[in-house]
Amino acid sequence: MWELLYETFWDRLEHFCYKLCRDEARAEDLTQEVFLRALQNRTLIDAFTERQCKAWLFAAARNLYCDQVRRAAKEEALLTSLLPPDGDDPADETGTSALGSVELGTVLDQLSELDRLLFTLRYDEGYTSAELSRLFELPPGTVRRRLSQTRHLLKTNLTED
């Protein structure tokens, strides 16, 4: 079943993903993620007809892409809120960036190991709070609360003059 699914839909799904994101490498990654999700939901997929499999795969691709776009927008908003306001001297941008990295590292060192790990996996590696919840065997609400507290602490400490 899986070989047939792969042979039948891989190329079409990858082309669909390319149309969504306009980036070959990202389209391939997205296609792989869709098939990984299909494997994780194999009992559901096995019960589908070929037509239902196709619909599920393409809907999953669209949903994953939308999730990635939303995640990127949230991360951009977070980074924007942590950066100094516009109007700074562009010539000093490298120094400010390096100083910001040092400050961020210092603030991250103040966190508990779990909070630092959750923050790093969420914002550097792209794990969702649900994935982190399963990984650390914590309730999803606890993961979200800890991430929120960490963001607030970082924002507070990095924006103090």
Foldseek 3Di string as FASTA:
>chain_A
DLVCLCVVPLVVQLVLLCVVPVDNVVSNVLSVVLVVVCVVVVVVLVPDDSVVNNVSSNVSSVVVSVVVVVLVVVLVVLVVLLADDPPDDPVCVVVSVVVLVVQLVVLLVVDDPVLSVLLCCCNVVPDDLVRVCVVVVHPSVVSVVSPVVSSVSSSVSSPDD
